[in-house]
């Protein structure tokens, strides 16, 4: 089975800056997590679509995520989009049946 994981920033990619006292998105932690998995029959491809806080996401960003999902579906059995949870309903709706997606998430 082939899975593509698309990261877009958000909570999973935030790290705490001890000097500034802020949470920042500098890179993804997902590759480290994936490297620890032992799933010999599963091919996982990670694509970093953007590094953006979910509070700052725009309609253009949601379109970028949709296009990334559509592209990934051409070579993957499943696509997982990882992001923060704040306004996640909008991007999720963008990628559901009735959108311009070539294949629904449940296909």
C-alpha atoms as a PDB file:
ATOM      1  CA  UNK A   1       0.000   0.000   0.000  1.00  0.00           C
ATOM      2  CA  UNK A   2       1.164   3.518  -0.795  1.00  0.00           C
ATOM      3  CA  UNK A   3       0.253   6.473   1.432  1.00  0.00           C
ATOM      4  CA  UNK A   4       1.130  10.109   0.938  1.00  0.00           C
ATOM      5  CA  UNK A   5       1.225  12.341   4.008  1.00  0.00           C
ATOM      6  CA  UNK A   6       0.900  16.047   3.241  1.00  0.00           C
ATOM      7  CA  UNK A   7       2.068  18.448   5.936  1.00  0.00           C
ATOM      8  CA  UNK A   8       1.008  22.068   5.906  1.00  0.00           C
ATOM      9  CA  UNK A   9       2.378  23.404   9.174  1.00  0.00           C
ATOM     10  CA  UNK A  10       0.202  23.698  12.236  1.00  0.00           C
ATOM     11  CA  UNK A  11       0.476  22.023  15.580  1.00  0.00           C
ATOM     12  CA  UNK A  12       2.553  18.962  14.641  1.00  0.00           C
ATOM     13  CA  UNK A  13       5.269  21.180  13.166  1.00  0.00           C
ATOM     14  CA  UNK A  14       5.480  23.683  16.013  1.00  0.00           C
ATOM     15  CA  UNK A  15       8.433  23.797  18.356  1.00  0.00           C
ATOM     16  CA  UNK A  16       8.868  25.864  21.474  1.00  0.00           C
ATOM     17  CA  UNK A  17      11.475  28.630  21.326  1.00  0.00           C
ATOM     18  CA  UNK A  18      12.822  28.739  24.880  1.00  0.00           C
ATOM     19  CA  UNK A  19      14.537  32.094  24.366  1.00  0.00           C
ATOM     20  CA  UNK A  20      11.569  33.934  22.859  1.00  0.00           C
ATOM     21  CA  UNK A  21       8.865  31.978  24.652  1.00  0.00           C
ATOM     22  CA  UNK A  22       6.933  31.379  21.408  1.00  0.00           C
ATOM     23  CA  UNK A  23       5.774  28.440  19.381  1.00  0.00           C
ATOM     24  CA  UNK A  24       7.316  28.546  15.911  1.00  0.00           C
ATOM     25  CA  UNK A  25       7.050  26.520  12.719  1.00  0.00           C
ATOM     26  CA  UNK A  26      10.610  25.913  11.539  1.00  0.00           C
ATOM     27  CA  UNK A  27      10.406  22.458  10.017  1.00  0.00           C
ATOM     28  CA  UNK A  28       8.539  19.231  10.365  1.00  0.00           C
ATOM     29  CA  UNK A  29       8.978  16.555  13.014  1.00  0.00           C
ATOM     30  CA  UNK A  30       7.128  14.012  10.907  1.00  0.00           C
ATOM     31  CA  UNK A  31      10.179  12.529   9.159  1.00  0.00           C
ATOM     32  CA  UNK A  32      11.648  11.580  12.535  1.00  0.00           C
ATOM     33  CA  UNK A  33       8.366   9.932  13.551  1.00  0.00           C
ATOM     34  CA  UNK A  34       8.051   8.059  10.242  1.00  0.00           C
ATOM     35  CA  UNK A  35      11.648   6.813  10.452  1.00  0.00           C
ATOM     36  CA  UNK A  36      10.803   4.978  13.677  1.00  0.00           C
ATOM     37  CA  UNK A  37       7.960   2.958  12.111  1.00  0.00           C
ATOM     38  CA  UNK A  38       8.394  -0.672  11.117  1.00  0.00           C
ATOM     39  CA  UNK A  39       5.789  -1.231   8.425  1.00  0.00           C
ATOM     40  CA  UNK A  40       7.458  -3.276   5.673  1.00  0.00           C
ATOM     41  CA  UNK A  41       4.381  -3.523   3.427  1.00  0.00           C
ATOM     42  CA  UNK A  42       3.645   0.190   3.537  1.00  0.00           C
ATOM     43  CA  UNK A  43       5.324   2.834   1.404  1.00  0.00           C
ATOM     44  CA  UNK A  44       4.941   6.289   2.960  1.00  0.00           C
ATOM     45  CA  UNK A  45       5.791   9.425   1.016  1.00  0.00           C
ATOM     46  CA  UNK A  46       5.941  12.718   2.898  1.00  0.00           C
ATOM     47  CA  UNK A  47       5.324  15.978   1.046  1.00  0.00           C
ATOM     48  CA  UNK A  48       5.651  19.333   2.795  1.00  0.00           C
ATOM     49  CA  UNK A  49       3.036  21.516   1.078  1.00  0.00           C
ATOM     50  CA  UNK A  50       3.592  24.617   3.225  1.00  0.00           C
ATOM     51  CA  UNK A  51       4.658  25.654   6.709  1.00  0.00           C
ATOM     52  CA  UNK A  52       1.874  27.858   7.934  1.00  0.00           C
ATOM     53  CA  UNK A  53      -0.041  28.357  11.163  1.00  0.00           C
ATOM     54  CA  UNK A  54      -3.658  27.315  10.693  1.00  0.00           C
ATOM     55  CA  UNK A  55      -4.817  30.718  11.940  1.00  0.00           C
ATOM     56  CA  UNK A  56      -3.070  32.317   8.954  1.00  0.00           C
ATOM     57  CA  UNK A  57      -4.488  29.990   6.281  1.00  0.00           C
ATOM     58  CA  UNK A  58      -6.160  31.669   3.289  1.00  0.00           C
ATOM     59  CA  UNK A  59      -8.477  30.511   0.493  1.00  0.00           C
ATOM     60  CA  UNK A  60      -5.419  30.361  -1.772  1.00  0.00           C
ATOM     61  CA  UNK A  61      -3.724  28.044   0.757  1.00  0.00           C
ATOM     62  CA  UNK A  62      -6.783  25.785   0.794  1.00  0.00           C
ATOM     63  CA  UNK A  63      -6.618  25.606  -3.013  1.00  0.00           C
ATOM     64  CA  UNK A  64      -2.950  24.663  -2.764  1.00  0.00           C
ATOM     65  CA  UNK A  65      -3.850  21.843  -0.357  1.00  0.00           C
ATOM     66  CA  UNK A  66      -6.616  20.611  -2.688  1.00  0.00           C
ATOM     67  CA  UNK A  67      -4.223  20.506  -5.651  1.00  0.00           C
ATOM     68  CA  UNK A  68      -1.660  18.630  -3.540  1.00  0.00           C
ATOM     69  CA  UNK A  69      -4.325  16.071  -2.568  1.00  0.00           C
ATOM     70  CA  UNK A  70      -5.396  15.653  -6.199  1.00  0.00           C
ATOM     71  CA  UNK A  71      -1.776  15.159  -7.310  1.00  0.00           C
ATOM     72  CA  UNK A  72      -1.067  12.662  -4.525  1.00  0.00           C
ATOM     73  CA  UNK A  73      -4.165  10.599  -5.341  1.00  0.00           C
ATOM     74  CA  UNK A  74      -2.734   9.790  -8.777  1.00  0.00           C
ATOM     75  CA  UNK A  75       0.061   7.703  -7.211  1.00  0.00           C
ATOM     76  CA  UNK A  76      -1.227   6.818  -3.736  1.00  0.00           C
ATOM     77  CA  UNK A  77      -3.866   4.544  -2.276  1.00  0.00           C
ATOM     78  CA  UNK A  78      -4.567   7.078   0.467  1.00  0.00           C
ATOM     79  CA  UNK A  79      -3.694  10.655   1.349  1.00  0.00           C
ATOM     80  CA  UNK A  80      -3.421  12.071   4.860  1.00  0.00           C
ATOM     81  CA  UNK A  81      -3.312  15.829   5.408  1.00  0.00           C
ATOM     82  CA  UNK A  82      -1.695  16.849   8.698  1.00  0.00           C
ATOM     83  CA  UNK A  83      -2.291  20.314  10.111  1.00  0.00           C
ATOM     84  CA  UNK A  84      -3.465  22.283  13.101  1.00  0.00           C
ATOM     85  CA  UNK A  85      -7.065  22.134  14.149  1.00  0.00           C
ATOM     86  CA  UNK A  86      -8.162  25.764  14.428  1.00  0.00           C
ATOM     87  CA  UNK A  87     -10.015  26.391  11.122  1.00  0.00           C
ATOM     88  CA  UNK A  88      -9.550  22.887   9.720  1.00  0.00           C
ATOM     89  CA  UNK A  89     -13.192  22.473   8.676  1.00  0.00           C
ATOM     90  CA  UNK A  90     -12.645  24.714   5.642  1.00  0.00           C
ATOM     91  CA  UNK A  91      -9.752  22.792   4.060  1.00  0.00           C
ATOM     92  CA  UNK A  92     -11.469  19.497   4.856  1.00  0.00           C
ATOM     93  CA  UNK A  93     -14.627  20.685   3.107  1.00  0.00           C
ATOM     94  CA  UNK A  94     -12.536  21.758   0.113  1.00  0.00           C
ATOM     95  CA  UNK A  95     -11.336  18.163  -0.328  1.00  0.00           C
ATOM     96  CA  UNK A  96     -14.697  16.398   0.091  1.00  0.00           C
ATOM     97  CA  UNK A  97     -17.179  15.091  -2.500  1.00  0.00           C
ATOM     98  CA  UNK A  98     -18.730  17.911  -4.479  1.00  0.00           C
ATOM     99  CA  UNK A  99     -15.433  19.759  -4.625  1.00  0.00           C
ATOM    100  CA  UNK A 100     -13.273  19.674  -7.743  1.00  0.00           C
ATOM    101  CA  UNK A 101     -11.387  16.697  -6.325  1.00  0.00           C
ATOM    102  CA  UNK A 102     -10.968  13.847  -8.815  1.00  0.00           C
ATOM    103  CA  UNK A 103     -11.514  11.246  -6.072  1.00  0.00           C
ATOM    104  CA  UNK A 104     -13.300  11.611  -2.779  1.00  0.00           C
ATOM    105  CA  UNK A 105     -11.497  10.856   0.497  1.00  0.00           C
ATOM    106  CA  UNK A 106     -13.669   7.772   0.996  1.00  0.00           C
ATOM    107  CA  UNK A 107     -12.854   6.235  -2.434  1.00  0.00           C
END
